[in-house]
């Protein structure tokens, strides 16, 4: 999750779960889009989540 490029450029960005580290900590993937490409960015993020199934609810919510 980079706080360097998107905020300063105005490019939209979204972060999605991409798995876990060796220490079982969640890891995220940030996808940056072109200006005013929010609808496409959301579609790409949703497709990634549906294809990978990396998002898991915390154990107490199962």
PDB file of N, CA and C in Angstrom:
ATOM      1  N   UNK A   1       0.837  -1.165   0.000  1.00  0.00           N
ATOM      2  CA  UNK A   1       0.000   0.000   0.000  1.00  0.00           C
ATOM      3  C   UNK A   1       0.889   1.237   0.000  1.00  0.00           C
ATOM      4  N   UNK A   2       1.107   1.787  -1.152  1.00  0.00           N
ATOM      5  CA  UNK A   2       1.983   2.945  -1.280  1.00  0.00           C
ATOM      6  C   UNK A   2       1.216   4.235  -1.045  1.00  0.00           C
ATOM      7  N   UNK A   3       1.727   5.037  -0.182  1.00  0.00           N
ATOM      8  CA  UNK A   3       1.137   6.352   0.057  1.00  0.00           C
ATOM      9  C   UNK A   3       1.942   7.429  -0.655  1.00  0.00           C
ATOM     10  N   UNK A   4       2.758   7.037  -1.628  1.00  0.00           N
ATOM     11  CA  UNK A   4       3.603   8.003  -2.314  1.00  0.00           C
ATOM     12  C   UNK A   4       3.026   8.453  -3.651  1.00  0.00           C
ATOM     13  N   UNK A   5       2.700   7.519  -4.519  1.00  0.00           N
ATOM     14  CA  UNK A   5       2.298   7.893  -5.876  1.00  0.00           C
ATOM     15  C   UNK A   5       0.834   8.335  -5.977  1.00  0.00           C
ATOM     16  N   UNK A   6      -0.151   7.500  -5.612  1.00  0.00           N
ATOM     17  CA  UNK A   6      -1.542   7.903  -5.837  1.00  0.00           C
ATOM     18  C   UNK A   6      -1.960   9.219  -5.185  1.00  0.00           C
ATOM     19  N   UNK A   7      -1.641   9.473  -3.913  1.00  0.00           N
ATOM     20  CA  UNK A   7      -2.126  10.731  -3.326  1.00  0.00           C
ATOM     21  C   UNK A   7      -1.556  11.981  -3.998  1.00  0.00           C
ATOM     22  N   UNK A   8      -0.328  11.925  -4.435  1.00  0.00           N
ATOM     23  CA  UNK A   8       0.311  13.108  -5.009  1.00  0.00           C
ATOM     24  C   UNK A   8      -0.032  13.315  -6.476  1.00  0.00           C
ATOM     25  N   UNK A   9      -0.431  12.261  -7.157  1.00  0.00           N
ATOM     26  CA  UNK A   9      -0.729  12.368  -8.583  1.00  0.00           C
ATOM     27  C   UNK A   9      -2.217  12.460  -8.865  1.00  0.00           C
ATOM     28  N   UNK A  10      -3.039  12.046  -7.914  1.00  0.00           N
ATOM     29  CA  UNK A  10      -4.474  12.027  -8.134  1.00  0.00           C
ATOM     30  C   UNK A  10      -4.963  10.754  -8.791  1.00  0.00           C
ATOM     31  N   UNK A  11      -4.053   9.810  -9.061  1.00  0.00           N
ATOM     32  CA  UNK A  11      -4.463   8.543  -9.654  1.00  0.00           C
ATOM     33  C   UNK A  11      -5.240   7.732  -8.624  1.00  0.00           C
ATOM     34  N   UNK A  12      -6.328   7.084  -9.043  1.00  0.00           N
ATOM     35  CA  UNK A  12      -7.067   6.248  -8.101  1.00  0.00           C
ATOM     36  C   UNK A  12      -6.295   4.969  -7.794  1.00  0.00           C
ATOM     37  N   UNK A  13      -6.468   4.466  -6.588  1.00  0.00           N
ATOM     38  CA  UNK A  13      -5.790   3.231  -6.182  1.00  0.00           C
ATOM     39  C   UNK A  13      -6.712   2.443  -5.273  1.00  0.00           C
ATOM     40  N   UNK A  14      -6.549   1.138  -5.305  1.00  0.00           N
ATOM     41  CA  UNK A  14      -7.323   0.248  -4.445  1.00  0.00           C
ATOM     42  C   UNK A  14      -6.392  -0.867  -3.977  1.00  0.00           C
ATOM     43  N   UNK A  15      -6.585  -1.314  -2.758  1.00  0.00           N
ATOM     44  CA  UNK A  15      -5.764  -2.389  -2.206  1.00  0.00           C
ATOM     45  C   UNK A  15      -6.639  -3.609  -1.958  1.00  0.00           C
ATOM     46  N   UNK A  16      -6.156  -4.765  -2.392  1.00  0.00           N
ATOM     47  CA  UNK A  16      -6.889  -6.017  -2.218  1.00  0.00           C
ATOM     48  C   UNK A  16      -5.997  -7.034  -1.513  1.00  0.00           C
ATOM     49  N   UNK A  17      -6.593  -7.981  -0.793  1.00  0.00           N
ATOM     50  CA  UNK A  17      -5.795  -9.020  -0.145  1.00  0.00           C
ATOM     51  C   UNK A  17      -5.096  -9.890  -1.186  1.00  0.00           C
ATOM     52  N   UNK A  18      -3.830 -10.231  -0.928  1.00  0.00           N
ATOM     53  CA  UNK A  18      -3.109 -11.092  -1.876  1.00  0.00           C
ATOM     54  C   UNK A  18      -2.439 -12.270  -1.187  1.00  0.00           C
ATOM     55  N   UNK A  19      -2.897 -12.603  -0.013  1.00  0.00           N
ATOM     56  CA  UNK A  19      -2.341 -13.760   0.668  1.00  0.00           C
ATOM     57  C   UNK A  19      -1.772 -13.395   2.024  1.00  0.00           C
ATOM     58  N   UNK A  20      -0.848 -14.226   2.466  1.00  0.00           N
ATOM     59  CA  UNK A  20      -0.278 -14.058   3.796  1.00  0.00           C
ATOM     60  C   UNK A  20       1.230 -14.231   3.747  1.00  0.00           C
ATOM     61  N   UNK A  21       1.916 -13.595   4.684  1.00  0.00           N
ATOM     62  CA  UNK A  21       3.365 -13.718   4.780  1.00  0.00           C
ATOM     63  C   UNK A  21       3.714 -15.039   5.463  1.00  0.00           C
ATOM     64  N   UNK A  22       5.004 -15.300   5.574  1.00  0.00           N
ATOM     65  CA  UNK A  22       5.451 -16.520   6.260  1.00  0.00           C
ATOM     66  C   UNK A  22       5.047 -16.519   7.729  1.00  0.00           C
ATOM     67  N   UNK A  23       4.835 -15.328   8.287  1.00  0.00           N
ATOM     68  CA  UNK A  23       4.408 -15.207   9.689  1.00  0.00           C
ATOM     69  C   UNK A  23       2.889 -15.158   9.813  1.00  0.00           C
ATOM     70  N   UNK A  24       2.180 -15.488   8.741  1.00  0.00           N
ATOM     71  CA  UNK A  24       0.718 -15.524   8.711  1.00  0.00           C
ATOM     72  C   UNK A  24       0.083 -14.145   8.855  1.00  0.00           C
ATOM     73  N   UNK A  25       0.816 -13.112   8.472  1.00  0.00           N
ATOM     74  CA  UNK A  25       0.259 -11.767   8.471  1.00  0.00           C
ATOM     75  C   UNK A  25      -0.352 -11.496   7.096  1.00  0.00           C
ATOM     76  N   UNK A  26      -1.454 -10.753   7.037  1.00  0.00           N
ATOM     77  CA  UNK A  26      -2.065 -10.477   5.740  1.00  0.00           C
ATOM     78  C   UNK A  26      -1.190  -9.549   4.899  1.00  0.00           C
ATOM     79  N   UNK A  27      -1.187  -9.800   3.601  1.00  0.00           N
ATOM     80  CA  UNK A  27      -0.446  -8.961   2.659  1.00  0.00           C
ATOM     81  C   UNK A  27      -1.437  -8.413   1.639  1.00  0.00           C
ATOM     82  N   UNK A  28      -1.178  -7.201   1.167  1.00  0.00           N
ATOM     83  CA  UNK A  28      -2.086  -6.572   0.217  1.00  0.00           C
ATOM     84  C   UNK A  28      -1.395  -6.185  -1.075  1.00  0.00           C
ATOM     85  N   UNK A  29      -2.182  -6.115  -2.126  1.00  0.00           N
ATOM     86  CA  UNK A  29      -1.714  -5.699  -3.442  1.00  0.00           C
ATOM     87  C   UNK A  29      -2.414  -4.394  -3.783  1.00  0.00           C
ATOM     88  N   UNK A  30      -1.641  -3.364  -4.086  1.00  0.00           N
ATOM     89  CA  UNK A  30      -2.244  -2.101  -4.479  1.00  0.00           C
ATOM     90  C   UNK A  30      -2.257  -2.003  -5.996  1.00  0.00           C
ATOM     91  N   UNK A  31      -3.428  -1.695  -6.530  1.00  0.00           N
ATOM     92  CA  UNK A  31      -3.598  -1.530  -7.967  1.00  0.00           C
ATOM     93  C   UNK A  31      -3.869  -0.046  -8.209  1.00  0.00           C
ATOM     94  N   UNK A  32      -3.094   0.554  -9.093  1.00  0.00           N
ATOM     95  CA  UNK A  32      -3.233   1.974  -9.405  1.00  0.00           C
ATOM     96  C   UNK A  32      -3.791   2.098 -10.815  1.00  0.00           C
ATOM     97  N   UNK A  33      -4.790   2.961 -10.967  1.00  0.00           N
ATOM     98  CA  UNK A  33      -5.415   3.149 -12.269  1.00  0.00           C
ATOM     99  C   UNK A  33      -5.089   4.501 -12.878  1.00  0.00           C
ATOM    100  N   UNK A  34      -5.570   4.683 -14.083  1.00  0.00           N
ATOM    101  CA  UNK A  34      -5.431   5.981 -14.744  1.00  0.00           C
ATOM    102  C   UNK A  34      -6.439   6.958 -14.154  1.00  0.00           C
ATOM    103  N   UNK A  35      -6.245   8.223 -14.418  1.00  0.00           N
ATOM    104  CA  UNK A  35      -7.180   9.226 -13.920  1.00  0.00           C
ATOM    105  C   UNK A  35      -8.602   8.898 -14.365  1.00  0.00           C
ATOM    106  N   UNK A  36      -9.528   9.014 -13.446  1.00  0.00           N
ATOM    107  CA  UNK A  36     -10.958   8.804 -13.682  1.00  0.00           C
ATOM    108  C   UNK A  36     -11.295   7.379 -14.129  1.00  0.00           C
ATOM    109  N   UNK A  37     -10.472   6.408 -13.742  1.00  0.00           N
ATOM    110  CA  UNK A  37     -10.725   5.015 -14.131  1.00  0.00           C
ATOM    111  C   UNK A  37     -11.258   4.181 -12.965  1.00  0.00           C
ATOM    112  N   UNK A  38     -11.909   4.827 -12.020  1.00  0.00           N
ATOM    113  CA  UNK A  38     -12.396   4.113 -10.840  1.00  0.00           C
ATOM    114  C   UNK A  38     -13.287   2.912 -11.169  1.00  0.00           C
ATOM    115  N   UNK A  39     -14.237   3.023 -12.105  1.00  0.00           N
ATOM    116  CA  UNK A  39     -15.070   1.841 -12.402  1.00  0.00           C
ATOM    117  C   UNK A  39     -14.250   0.636 -12.876  1.00  0.00           C
ATOM    118  N   UNK A  40     -13.276   0.870 -13.739  1.00  0.00           N
ATOM    119  CA  UNK A  40     -12.438  -0.224 -14.224  1.00  0.00           C
ATOM    120  C   UNK A  40     -11.560  -0.775 -13.103  1.00  0.00           C
ATOM    121  N   UNK A  41     -11.068   0.112 -12.261  1.00  0.00           N
ATOM    122  CA  UNK A  41     -10.216  -0.295 -11.145  1.00  0.00           C
ATOM    123  C   UNK A  41     -10.982  -1.206 -10.185  1.00  0.00           C
ATOM    124  N   UNK A  42     -12.219  -0.864  -9.908  1.00  0.00           N
ATOM    125  CA  UNK A  42     -13.047  -1.692  -9.025  1.00  0.00           C
ATOM    126  C   UNK A  42     -13.313  -3.048  -9.671  1.00  0.00           C
ATOM    127  N   UNK A  43     -13.558  -3.069 -10.970  1.00  0.00           N
ATOM    128  CA  UNK A  43     -13.781  -4.339 -11.673  1.00  0.00           C
ATOM    129  C   UNK A  43     -12.547  -5.235 -11.611  1.00  0.00           C
ATOM    130  N   UNK A  44     -11.372  -4.648 -11.806  1.00  0.00           N
ATOM    131  CA  UNK A  44     -10.123  -5.421 -11.757  1.00  0.00           C
ATOM    132  C   UNK A  44      -9.899  -5.964 -10.351  1.00  0.00           C
ATOM    133  N   UNK A  45     -10.104  -5.126  -9.342  1.00  0.00           N
ATOM    134  CA  UNK A  45      -9.915  -5.562  -7.955  1.00  0.00           C
ATOM    135  C   UNK A  45     -10.896  -6.679  -7.603  1.00  0.00           C
ATOM    136  N   UNK A  46     -12.140  -6.529  -8.011  1.00  0.00           N
ATOM    137  CA  UNK A  46     -13.147  -7.560  -7.734  1.00  0.00           C
ATOM    138  C   UNK A  46     -12.785  -8.867  -8.437  1.00  0.00           C
ATOM    139  N   UNK A  47     -12.366  -8.777  -9.690  1.00  0.00           N
ATOM    140  CA  UNK A  47     -11.982  -9.978 -10.438  1.00  0.00           C
ATOM    141  C   UNK A  47     -10.797 -10.675  -9.775  1.00  0.00           C
ATOM    142  N   UNK A  48      -9.825  -9.905  -9.300  1.00  0.00           N
ATOM    143  CA  UNK A  48      -8.671 -10.489  -8.612  1.00  0.00           C
ATOM    144  C   UNK A  48      -9.123 -11.226  -7.355  1.00  0.00           C
ATOM    145  N   UNK A  49      -9.984 -10.581  -6.558  1.00  0.00           N
ATOM    146  CA  UNK A  49     -10.466 -11.223  -5.330  1.00  0.00           C
ATOM    147  C   UNK A  49     -11.239 -12.503  -5.634  1.00  0.00           C
ATOM    148  N   UNK A  50     -12.077 -12.480  -6.653  1.00  0.00           N
ATOM    149  CA  UNK A  50     -12.864 -13.661  -6.993  1.00  0.00           C
ATOM    150  C   UNK A  50     -11.993 -14.790  -7.542  1.00  0.00           C
ATOM    151  N   UNK A  51     -10.940 -14.442  -8.260  1.00  0.00           N
ATOM    152  CA  UNK A  51     -10.067 -15.457  -8.852  1.00  0.00           C
ATOM    153  C   UNK A  51      -9.121 -16.081  -7.833  1.00  0.00           C
ATOM    154  N   UNK A  52      -8.705 -15.309  -6.835  1.00  0.00           N
ATOM    155  CA  UNK A  52      -7.688 -15.810  -5.908  1.00  0.00           C
ATOM    156  C   UNK A  52      -8.245 -16.304  -4.582  1.00  0.00           C
ATOM    157  N   UNK A  53      -9.354 -15.758  -4.130  1.00  0.00           N
ATOM    158  CA  UNK A  53      -9.959 -16.125  -2.832  1.00  0.00           C
ATOM    159  C   UNK A  53      -8.978 -15.957  -1.672  1.00  0.00           C
ATOM    160  N   UNK A  54      -8.141 -14.910  -1.729  1.00  0.00           N
ATOM    161  CA  UNK A  54      -7.194 -14.663  -0.640  1.00  0.00           C
ATOM    162  C   UNK A  54      -7.853 -14.011   0.568  1.00  0.00           C
ATOM    163  N   UNK A  55      -8.981 -13.377   0.371  1.00  0.00           N
ATOM    164  CA  UNK A  55      -9.639 -12.712   1.496  1.00  0.00           C
ATOM    165  C   UNK A  55     -10.302 -13.760   2.380  1.00  0.00           C
ATOM    166  N   UNK A  56      -9.960 -13.702   3.655  1.00  0.00           N
ATOM    167  CA  UNK A  56     -10.565 -14.611   4.629  1.00  0.00           C
ATOM    168  C   UNK A  56     -11.002 -13.801   5.841  1.00  0.00           C
ATOM    169  N   UNK A  57     -12.221 -14.026   6.315  1.00  0.00           N
ATOM    170  CA  UNK A  57     -12.648 -13.299   7.510  1.00  0.00           C
ATOM    171  C   UNK A  57     -11.865 -13.778   8.731  1.00  0.00           C
ATOM    172  N   UNK A  58     -11.736 -12.932   9.739  1.00  0.00           N
ATOM    173  CA  UNK A  58     -11.073 -13.367  10.965  1.00  0.00           C
ATOM    174  C   UNK A  58     -11.779 -14.591  11.550  1.00  0.00           C
ATOM    175  N   UNK A  59     -11.034 -15.414  12.263  1.00  0.00           N
ATOM    176  CA  UNK A  59     -11.573 -16.678  12.779  1.00  0.00           C
ATOM    177  C   UNK A  59     -12.825 -16.499  13.621  1.00  0.00           C
ATOM    178  N   UNK A  60     -12.890 -15.456  14.428  1.00  0.00           N
ATOM    179  CA  UNK A  60     -14.052 -15.307  15.300  1.00  0.00           C
ATOM    180  C   UNK A  60     -15.321 -14.925  14.537  1.00  0.00           C
ATOM    181  N   UNK A  61     -15.219 -14.575  13.252  1.00  0.00           N
ATOM    182  CA  UNK A  61     -16.383 -14.210  12.457  1.00  0.00           C
ATOM    183  C   UNK A  61     -16.872 -15.350  11.570  1.00  0.00           C
ATOM    184  N   UNK A  62     -16.236 -16.504  11.626  1.00  0.00           N
ATOM    185  CA  UNK A  62     -16.648 -17.636  10.785  1.00  0.00           C
ATOM    186  C   UNK A  62     -17.869 -18.310  11.343  1.00  0.00           C
TER     187      UNK A  62
END
